[in-house]
Amino acid sequence: MPIRLLGIRYNMWLDSTAQRRYVLDGITELACFLRKNRDLTIGNSLRLIECTLAPLLAFSGPVIIWPEKDFKRLTAAFVKYHKEAWQMPPNTSTVLFTFPKDRGGLQVRMPRAIICSATWGHLTRCCQFDDGTRQLAEITYKDALEQHGCLDMEELQFEAEFLT
């Protein structure tokens, strides 16, 4: 039986499949809208994507688990719908959307960047108050450094990337 905790869909075993499906369905619904409304300008289509895709993902993205398969589908959907907004053919190269602007790309914010930004915002807000959250984060960080034999955050990030 699915439950909602602060608007996030879980079941009793903290399975977030329903929330991932909700996010992916919302993205698909936006794509259908873009296909039906080809008379929107490119600027309006991009604003629509910007106002819907990122907030839809940022709300629950940091607190649910995204298996690699679902995350790849999510990333592919982001690229596909940006192509749709730009009214480009489906076979347009993906790197056009992921490269930085100074290298000729469009520098579209991908799901990983949105989730990292939202997570950082949550952590920043949590650490603003002296309620023990900061101390808990420091303890967890030191434990992670010790567990993985790392000296600093850069090594820990490399180790986390290696493990995933």
N, C-alpha and C. Protein backbone atom coordinates (compact mmCIF):
# COMPACT_ATOMS: atom_id res chain seq x y z
N MET A 1 0.84 -1.17 0.00
CA MET A 1 0.00 0.00 0.00
C MET A 1 0.89 1.24 0.00
N PRO A 2 0.79 2.07 -1.03
CA PRO A 2 1.63 3.26 -1.08
C PRO A 2 1.19 4.31 -0.07
N ILE A 3 2.17 5.02 0.47
CA ILE A 3 1.88 6.12 1.38
C ILE A 3 2.60 7.36 0.86
N ARG A 4 2.20 8.51 1.35
CA ARG A 4 2.88 9.74 0.99
C ARG A 4 3.42 10.37 2.25
N LEU A 5 4.69 10.64 2.26
CA LEU A 5 5.33 11.31 3.38
C LEU A 5 5.84 12.64 2.86
N LEU A 6 5.23 13.72 3.27
CA LEU A 6 5.58 15.05 2.80
C LEU A 6 5.52 15.14 1.28
N GLY A 7 4.57 14.45 0.67
CA GLY A 7 4.38 14.52 -0.76
C GLY A 7 5.21 13.53 -1.57
N ILE A 8 5.99 12.71 -0.91
CA ILE A 8 6.83 11.73 -1.62
C ILE A 8 6.20 10.36 -1.44
N ARG A 9 6.03 9.65 -2.55
CA ARG A 9 5.34 8.37 -2.54
C ARG A 9 6.31 7.23 -2.19
N TYR A 10 6.02 6.54 -1.10
CA TYR A 10 6.78 5.39 -0.64
C TYR A 10 5.80 4.28 -0.28
N ASN A 11 6.31 3.08 -0.08
CA ASN A 11 5.49 2.06 0.55
C ASN A 11 6.08 1.78 1.93
N MET A 12 5.55 0.80 2.63
CA MET A 12 6.00 0.53 4.00
C MET A 12 7.47 0.13 4.08
N TRP A 13 8.02 -0.37 3.01
CA TRP A 13 9.41 -0.83 2.98
C TRP A 13 10.34 0.23 2.40
N LEU A 14 9.86 1.47 2.31
CA LEU A 14 10.60 2.60 1.76
C LEU A 14 11.03 2.38 0.33
N ASP A 15 10.20 1.67 -0.41
CA ASP A 15 10.44 1.48 -1.84
C ASP A 15 9.90 2.71 -2.55
N SER A 16 10.74 3.38 -3.31
CA SER A 16 10.34 4.63 -3.95
C SER A 16 10.00 4.46 -5.43
N THR A 17 9.65 3.25 -5.84
CA THR A 17 9.29 3.00 -7.23
C THR A 17 8.15 3.90 -7.68
N ALA A 18 7.15 4.07 -6.82
CA ALA A 18 5.99 4.91 -7.17
C ALA A 18 6.41 6.36 -7.40
N GLN A 19 7.34 6.87 -6.60
CA GLN A 19 7.79 8.25 -6.79
C GLN A 19 8.61 8.39 -8.07
N ARG A 20 9.46 7.43 -8.36
CA ARG A 20 10.23 7.47 -9.61
C ARG A 20 9.28 7.43 -10.80
N ARG A 21 8.26 6.58 -10.73
CA ARG A 21 7.27 6.48 -11.80
C ARG A 21 6.52 7.81 -11.94
N TYR A 22 6.19 8.44 -10.81
CA TYR A 22 5.49 9.73 -10.83
C TYR A 22 6.34 10.79 -11.55
N VAL A 23 7.64 10.84 -11.25
CA VAL A 23 8.53 11.80 -11.90
C VAL A 23 8.62 11.52 -13.39
N LEU A 24 8.84 10.26 -13.75
CA LEU A 24 8.94 9.90 -15.17
C LEU A 24 7.63 10.14 -15.91
N ASP A 25 6.50 9.88 -15.27
CA ASP A 25 5.19 10.15 -15.90
C ASP A 25 4.98 11.65 -16.11
N GLY A 26 5.42 12.45 -15.15
CA GLY A 26 5.32 13.90 -15.29
C GLY A 26 6.15 14.40 -16.45
N ILE A 27 7.33 13.83 -16.61
CA ILE A 27 8.20 14.22 -17.72
C ILE A 27 7.57 13.79 -19.05
N THR A 28 6.99 12.60 -19.09
CA THR A 28 6.33 12.12 -20.31
C THR A 28 5.13 13.00 -20.65
N GLU A 29 4.39 13.41 -19.64
CA GLU A 29 3.23 14.29 -19.86
C GLU A 29 3.67 15.62 -20.48
N LEU A 30 4.79 16.15 -20.02
CA LEU A 30 5.31 17.37 -20.59
C LEU A 30 5.70 17.16 -22.05
N ALA A 31 6.30 16.02 -22.35
CA ALA A 31 6.69 15.72 -23.73
C ALA A 31 5.47 15.67 -24.64
N CYS A 32 4.41 15.04 -24.17
CA CYS A 32 3.17 14.98 -24.97
C CYS A 32 2.63 16.38 -25.22
N PHE A 33 2.69 17.22 -24.21
CA PHE A 33 2.22 18.60 -24.37
C PHE A 33 3.05 19.33 -25.42
N LEU A 34 4.38 19.14 -25.37
CA LEU A 34 5.24 19.81 -26.36
C LEU A 34 4.95 19.32 -27.77
N ARG A 35 4.70 18.01 -27.92
CA ARG A 35 4.41 17.47 -29.25
C ARG A 35 3.09 18.00 -29.80
N LYS A 36 2.08 18.13 -28.91
CA LYS A 36 0.77 18.61 -29.35
C LYS A 36 0.80 20.09 -29.68
N ASN A 37 1.64 20.84 -29.01
CA ASN A 37 1.66 22.30 -29.15
C ASN A 37 2.92 22.74 -29.89
N ARG A 38 3.01 22.34 -31.12
CA ARG A 38 4.16 22.71 -31.94
C ARG A 38 4.18 24.20 -32.26
N ASP A 39 3.07 24.89 -31.98
CA ASP A 39 3.02 26.32 -32.29
C ASP A 39 3.71 27.17 -31.21
N LEU A 40 4.16 26.54 -30.11
CA LEU A 40 4.92 27.28 -29.10
C LEU A 40 6.26 27.70 -29.70
N THR A 41 6.73 28.86 -29.33
CA THR A 41 8.05 29.26 -29.78
C THR A 41 9.10 28.44 -29.03
N ILE A 42 10.30 28.44 -29.56
CA ILE A 42 11.38 27.70 -28.90
C ILE A 42 11.61 28.26 -27.50
N GLY A 43 11.59 29.59 -27.38
CA GLY A 43 11.78 30.21 -26.07
C GLY A 43 10.72 29.80 -25.06
N ASN A 44 9.46 29.77 -25.49
CA ASN A 44 8.38 29.35 -24.59
C ASN A 44 8.50 27.88 -24.21
N SER A 45 8.88 27.05 -25.17
CA SER A 45 9.07 25.63 -24.87
C SER A 45 10.19 25.42 -23.86
N LEU A 46 11.28 26.16 -24.02
CA LEU A 46 12.40 26.04 -23.08
C LEU A 46 12.02 26.55 -21.70
N ARG A 47 11.26 27.64 -21.64
CA ARG A 47 10.81 28.14 -20.33
C ARG A 47 9.89 27.14 -19.66
N LEU A 48 9.03 26.51 -20.44
CA LEU A 48 8.13 25.50 -19.90
C LEU A 48 8.93 24.34 -19.31
N ILE A 49 9.93 23.89 -20.03
CA ILE A 49 10.79 22.81 -19.53
C ILE A 49 11.50 23.24 -18.26
N GLU A 50 12.05 24.44 -18.28
CA GLU A 50 12.79 24.95 -17.13
C GLU A 50 11.91 25.07 -15.89
N CYS A 51 10.66 25.44 -16.09
CA CYS A 51 9.74 25.64 -14.95
C CYS A 51 9.11 24.34 -14.46
N THR A 52 9.22 23.26 -15.23
CA THR A 52 8.56 22.02 -14.82
C THR A 52 9.53 20.88 -14.54
N LEU A 53 10.47 20.62 -15.43
CA LEU A 53 11.34 19.45 -15.26
C LEU A 53 12.21 19.55 -14.01
N ALA A 54 12.94 20.64 -13.87
CA ALA A 54 13.85 20.77 -12.73
C ALA A 54 13.12 20.72 -11.39
N PRO A 55 12.03 21.50 -11.19
CA PRO A 55 11.35 21.42 -9.90
C PRO A 55 10.73 20.03 -9.63
N LEU A 56 10.24 19.39 -10.69
CA LEU A 56 9.66 18.06 -10.51
C LEU A 56 10.70 17.09 -9.97
N LEU A 57 11.91 17.20 -10.48
CA LEU A 57 12.99 16.32 -10.03
C LEU A 57 13.61 16.80 -8.73
N ALA A 58 13.78 18.10 -8.57
CA ALA A 58 14.46 18.64 -7.39
C ALA A 58 13.68 18.38 -6.10
N PHE A 59 12.37 18.29 -6.20
CA PHE A 59 11.57 18.09 -4.98
C PHE A 59 11.87 16.75 -4.32
N SER A 60 11.84 15.68 -5.09
CA SER A 60 12.02 14.36 -4.47
C SER A 60 13.34 13.69 -4.85
N GLY A 61 14.01 14.20 -5.86
CA GLY A 61 15.23 13.57 -6.35
C GLY A 61 16.29 13.27 -5.31
N PRO A 62 16.58 14.23 -4.41
CA PRO A 62 17.64 13.98 -3.43
C PRO A 62 17.29 12.97 -2.34
N VAL A 63 16.02 12.70 -2.13
CA VAL A 63 15.66 11.84 -1.00
C VAL A 63 15.22 10.44 -1.40
N ILE A 64 15.17 10.15 -2.70
CA ILE A 64 14.83 8.79 -3.12
C ILE A 64 16.01 8.17 -3.84
N ILE A 65 16.01 6.87 -3.91
CA ILE A 65 17.09 6.15 -4.57
C ILE A 65 16.74 6.00 -6.06
N TRP A 66 17.69 6.36 -6.91
CA TRP A 66 17.51 6.23 -8.36
C TRP A 66 18.43 5.13 -8.86
N PRO A 67 17.89 3.95 -9.17
CA PRO A 67 18.74 2.90 -9.76
C PRO A 67 19.32 3.40 -11.08
N GLU A 68 20.47 2.87 -11.45
CA GLU A 68 21.18 3.34 -12.63
C GLU A 68 20.31 3.28 -13.89
N LYS A 69 19.53 2.21 -14.03
CA LYS A 69 18.67 2.06 -15.21
C LYS A 69 17.66 3.20 -15.30
N ASP A 70 16.99 3.50 -14.19
CA ASP A 70 16.00 4.58 -14.17
C ASP A 70 16.66 5.94 -14.36
N PHE A 71 17.86 6.10 -13.80
CA PHE A 71 18.56 7.37 -13.92
C PHE A 71 18.99 7.62 -15.37
N LYS A 72 19.39 6.55 -16.05
CA LYS A 72 19.75 6.69 -17.47
C LYS A 72 18.52 7.05 -18.30
N ARG A 73 17.38 6.44 -17.98
CA ARG A 73 16.12 6.79 -18.67
C ARG A 73 15.76 8.24 -18.43
N LEU A 74 15.95 8.69 -17.21
CA LEU A 74 15.65 10.06 -16.83
C LEU A 74 16.54 11.04 -17.61
N THR A 75 17.82 10.75 -17.66
CA THR A 75 18.76 11.61 -18.39
C THR A 75 18.43 11.63 -19.88
N ALA A 76 18.13 10.46 -20.43
CA ALA A 76 17.76 10.39 -21.85
C ALA A 76 16.49 11.19 -22.12
N ALA A 77 15.54 11.14 -21.20
CA ALA A 77 14.29 11.89 -21.36
C ALA A 77 14.57 13.39 -21.32
N PHE A 78 15.46 13.85 -20.44
CA PHE A 78 15.80 15.26 -20.39
C PHE A 78 16.35 15.73 -21.73
N VAL A 79 17.28 14.96 -22.28
CA VAL A 79 17.88 15.33 -23.57
C VAL A 79 16.82 15.30 -24.67
N LYS A 80 16.01 14.25 -24.68
CA LYS A 80 14.99 14.10 -25.71
C LYS A 80 14.01 15.28 -25.71
N TYR A 81 13.59 15.72 -24.54
CA TYR A 81 12.60 16.78 -24.47
C TYR A 81 13.21 18.15 -24.73
N HIS A 82 14.50 18.29 -24.47
CA HIS A 82 15.17 19.52 -24.88
C HIS A 82 15.28 19.58 -26.41
N LYS A 83 15.53 18.43 -27.02
CA LYS A 83 15.54 18.38 -28.48
C LYS A 83 14.16 18.75 -29.02
N GLU A 84 13.14 18.24 -28.37
CA GLU A 84 11.76 18.53 -28.77
C GLU A 84 11.48 20.03 -28.64
N ALA A 85 11.94 20.64 -27.56
CA ALA A 85 11.72 22.07 -27.35
C ALA A 85 12.47 22.90 -28.40
N TRP A 86 13.65 22.46 -28.76
CA TRP A 86 14.43 23.18 -29.78
C TRP A 86 13.95 22.83 -31.18
N GLN A 87 12.99 21.91 -31.28
CA GLN A 87 12.44 21.45 -32.56
C GLN A 87 13.54 20.87 -33.45
N MET A 88 14.39 20.05 -32.81
CA MET A 88 15.47 19.38 -33.52
C MET A 88 15.08 17.94 -33.79
N PRO A 89 15.67 17.34 -34.81
CA PRO A 89 15.37 15.92 -35.07
C PRO A 89 15.93 15.04 -33.96
N PRO A 90 15.33 13.87 -33.73
CA PRO A 90 15.77 12.98 -32.65
C PRO A 90 17.22 12.51 -32.78
N ASN A 91 17.76 12.51 -33.99
CA ASN A 91 19.13 12.01 -34.16
C ASN A 91 20.19 13.09 -33.93
N THR A 92 19.81 14.27 -33.43
CA THR A 92 20.77 15.32 -33.10
C THR A 92 21.67 14.82 -31.97
N SER A 93 22.94 15.14 -32.06
CA SER A 93 23.92 14.68 -31.08
C SER A 93 23.59 15.17 -29.67
N THR A 94 23.76 14.30 -28.71
CA THR A 94 23.48 14.62 -27.31
C THR A 94 24.50 15.59 -26.74
N VAL A 95 25.74 15.53 -27.21
CA VAL A 95 26.78 16.39 -26.64
C VAL A 95 26.46 17.86 -26.84
N LEU A 96 25.65 18.20 -27.83
CA LEU A 96 25.25 19.58 -28.04
C LEU A 96 24.57 20.13 -26.79
N PHE A 97 23.85 19.29 -26.07
CA PHE A 97 23.12 19.74 -24.89
C PHE A 97 23.95 19.69 -23.62
N THR A 98 24.97 18.84 -23.59
CA THR A 98 25.74 18.65 -22.36
C THR A 98 27.03 19.47 -22.32
N PHE A 99 27.54 19.89 -23.46
CA PHE A 99 28.78 20.67 -23.48
C PHE A 99 28.53 22.06 -22.91
N PRO A 100 29.56 22.65 -22.28
CA PRO A 100 29.43 24.02 -21.78
C PRO A 100 29.27 25.02 -22.92
N LYS A 101 28.71 26.16 -22.60
CA LYS A 101 28.46 27.19 -23.62
C LYS A 101 29.75 27.68 -24.27
N ASP A 102 30.83 27.77 -23.48
CA ASP A 102 32.09 28.26 -24.05
C ASP A 102 32.73 27.26 -25.00
N ARG A 103 32.19 26.06 -25.08
CA ARG A 103 32.69 25.05 -26.02
C ARG A 103 31.67 24.75 -27.11
N GLY A 104 30.69 25.62 -27.27
CA GLY A 104 29.72 25.47 -28.34
C GLY A 104 28.47 24.69 -27.98
N GLY A 105 28.33 24.30 -26.72
CA GLY A 105 27.15 23.54 -26.30
C GLY A 105 26.06 24.44 -25.74
N LEU A 106 24.97 23.83 -25.37
CA LEU A 106 23.85 24.58 -24.78
C LEU A 106 23.86 24.54 -23.26
N GLN A 107 24.68 23.67 -22.68
CA GLN A 107 24.86 23.54 -21.24
C GLN A 107 23.53 23.38 -20.50
N VAL A 108 22.77 22.39 -20.91
CA VAL A 108 21.49 22.08 -20.28
C VAL A 108 21.77 21.43 -18.91
N ARG A 109 21.00 21.83 -17.91
CA ARG A 109 21.16 21.21 -16.58
C ARG A 109 20.57 19.81 -16.62
N MET A 110 21.42 18.84 -16.43
CA MET A 110 21.02 17.44 -16.46
C MET A 110 20.54 17.01 -15.06
N PRO A 111 19.86 15.87 -14.98
CA PRO A 111 19.33 15.41 -13.69
C PRO A 111 20.36 15.34 -12.57
N ARG A 112 21.57 14.88 -12.86
CA ARG A 112 22.59 14.78 -11.80
C ARG A 112 22.89 16.16 -11.21
N ALA A 113 23.01 17.17 -12.06
CA ALA A 113 23.28 18.53 -11.58
C ALA A 113 22.11 19.06 -10.76
N ILE A 114 20.89 18.76 -11.19
CA ILE A 114 19.70 19.23 -10.47
C ILE A 114 19.63 18.59 -9.09
N ILE A 115 19.87 17.28 -9.03
CA ILE A 115 19.82 16.57 -7.74
C ILE A 115 20.94 17.05 -6.82
N CYS A 116 22.15 17.24 -7.36
CA CYS A 116 23.27 17.73 -6.53
C CYS A 116 22.98 19.12 -5.99
N SER A 117 22.44 19.98 -6.83
CA SER A 117 22.11 21.34 -6.41
C SER A 117 21.03 21.33 -5.32
N ALA A 118 20.01 20.51 -5.51
CA ALA A 118 18.94 20.43 -4.51
C ALA A 118 19.46 19.84 -3.20
N THR A 119 20.31 18.84 -3.29
CA THR A 119 20.89 18.23 -2.08
C THR A 119 21.74 19.25 -1.34
N TRP A 120 22.55 19.98 -2.08
CA TRP A 120 23.39 21.01 -1.46
C TRP A 120 22.52 22.07 -0.79
N GLY A 121 21.43 22.45 -1.42
CA GLY A 121 20.52 23.42 -0.81
C GLY A 121 19.91 22.90 0.48
N HIS A 122 19.51 21.62 0.48
CA HIS A 122 18.96 21.02 1.71
C HIS A 122 20.01 21.00 2.81
N LEU A 123 21.22 20.60 2.48
CA LEU A 123 22.29 20.54 3.49
C LEU A 123 22.62 21.93 4.03
N THR A 124 22.64 22.91 3.14
CA THR A 124 22.93 24.28 3.57
C THR A 124 21.88 24.77 4.55
N ARG A 125 20.60 24.52 4.22
CA ARG A 125 19.53 24.94 5.13
C ARG A 125 19.59 24.19 6.46
N CYS A 126 19.94 22.91 6.40
CA CYS A 126 20.03 22.13 7.64
C CYS A 126 21.16 22.63 8.54
N CYS A 127 22.25 23.06 7.94
CA CYS A 127 23.41 23.48 8.73
C CYS A 127 23.32 24.93 9.20
N GLN A 128 22.30 25.66 8.79
CA GLN A 128 22.15 27.04 9.22
C GLN A 128 21.81 27.13 10.70
N PHE A 129 21.19 26.13 11.23
CA PHE A 129 20.74 26.15 12.62
C PHE A 129 21.61 25.23 13.46
N ASP A 130 21.81 25.59 14.69
CA ASP A 130 22.65 24.79 15.58
C ASP A 130 21.81 23.70 16.24
N ASP A 131 21.41 22.72 15.43
CA ASP A 131 20.56 21.64 15.94
C ASP A 131 21.25 20.29 15.89
N GLY A 132 22.55 20.29 15.67
CA GLY A 132 23.28 19.02 15.65
C GLY A 132 23.45 18.43 14.26
N THR A 133 22.78 18.99 13.26
CA THR A 133 22.87 18.44 11.91
C THR A 133 24.29 18.57 11.37
N ARG A 134 24.89 19.73 11.59
CA ARG A 134 26.25 19.95 11.10
C ARG A 134 27.24 18.98 11.75
N GLN A 135 27.10 18.80 13.06
CA GLN A 135 27.99 17.89 13.76
C GLN A 135 27.80 16.46 13.25
N LEU A 136 26.56 16.07 13.01
CA LEU A 136 26.28 14.74 12.48
C LEU A 136 26.90 14.56 11.09
N ALA A 137 26.80 15.60 10.26
CA ALA A 137 27.40 15.54 8.92
C ALA A 137 28.92 15.41 9.01
N GLU A 138 29.54 16.13 9.95
CA GLU A 138 30.99 16.05 10.12
C GLU A 138 31.41 14.66 10.59
N ILE A 139 30.65 14.09 11.51
CA ILE A 139 30.96 12.74 12.00
C ILE A 139 30.83 11.73 10.87
N THR A 140 29.75 11.84 10.08
CA THR A 140 29.54 10.93 8.95
C THR A 140 30.66 11.08 7.93
N TYR A 141 31.08 12.31 7.66
CA TYR A 141 32.18 12.58 6.72
C TYR A 141 33.48 11.93 7.21
N LYS A 142 33.80 12.13 8.48
CA LYS A 142 35.04 11.54 9.04
C LYS A 142 34.97 10.02 9.01
N ASP A 143 33.81 9.45 9.32
CA ASP A 143 33.65 8.00 9.25
C ASP A 143 33.86 7.49 7.83
N ALA A 144 33.31 8.22 6.84
CA ALA A 144 33.47 7.82 5.43
C ALA A 144 34.93 7.89 5.01
N LEU A 145 35.64 8.95 5.45
CA LEU A 145 37.07 9.06 5.14
C LEU A 145 37.84 7.87 5.70
N GLU A 146 37.54 7.53 6.95
CA GLU A 146 38.24 6.42 7.60
C GLU A 146 37.89 5.07 6.96
N GLN A 147 36.61 4.88 6.68
CA GLN A 147 36.15 3.60 6.11
C GLN A 147 36.77 3.33 4.74
N HIS A 148 36.93 4.38 3.93
CA HIS A 148 37.45 4.19 2.57
C HIS A 148 38.93 4.52 2.45
N GLY A 149 39.57 4.86 3.56
CA GLY A 149 41.00 5.14 3.54
C GLY A 149 41.36 6.37 2.73
N CYS A 150 40.56 7.43 2.84
CA CYS A 150 40.79 8.65 2.07
C CYS A 150 41.30 9.76 2.98
N LEU A 151 41.98 10.73 2.38
CA LEU A 151 42.52 11.85 3.15
C LEU A 151 41.66 13.11 3.06
N ASP A 152 40.92 13.27 1.96
CA ASP A 152 40.12 14.47 1.80
C ASP A 152 38.88 14.18 0.95
N MET A 153 38.08 15.23 0.73
CA MET A 153 36.82 15.09 -0.02
C MET A 153 37.07 14.66 -1.46
N GLU A 154 38.13 15.17 -2.07
CA GLU A 154 38.42 14.82 -3.46
C GLU A 154 38.66 13.31 -3.61
N GLU A 155 39.44 12.74 -2.72
CA GLU A 155 39.69 11.29 -2.75
C GLU A 155 38.41 10.51 -2.48
N LEU A 156 37.61 11.02 -1.55
CA LEU A 156 36.35 10.35 -1.22
C LEU A 156 35.39 10.37 -2.42
N GLN A 157 35.34 11.48 -3.13
CA GLN A 157 34.49 11.56 -4.33
C GLN A 157 34.98 10.60 -5.40
N PHE A 158 36.29 10.50 -5.57
CA PHE A 158 36.86 9.57 -6.55
C PHE A 158 36.50 8.14 -6.17
N GLU A 159 36.60 7.82 -4.89
CA GLU A 159 36.27 6.48 -4.40
C GLU A 159 34.78 6.18 -4.60
N ALA A 160 33.93 7.17 -4.33
CA ALA A 160 32.48 6.98 -4.52
C ALA A 160 32.16 6.76 -5.99
N GLU A 161 32.84 7.50 -6.86
CA GLU A 161 32.62 7.34 -8.31
C GLU A 161 33.08 5.96 -8.75
N PHE A 162 34.21 5.50 -8.18
CA PHE A 162 34.74 4.17 -8.52
C PHE A 162 33.78 3.05 -8.09
N LEU A 163 33.14 3.24 -6.93
CA LEU A 163 32.26 2.20 -6.40
C LEU A 163 30.93 2.13 -7.12
N THR A 164 30.53 3.21 -7.82
CA THR A 164 29.23 3.20 -8.49
C THR A 164 29.30 2.80 -9.91
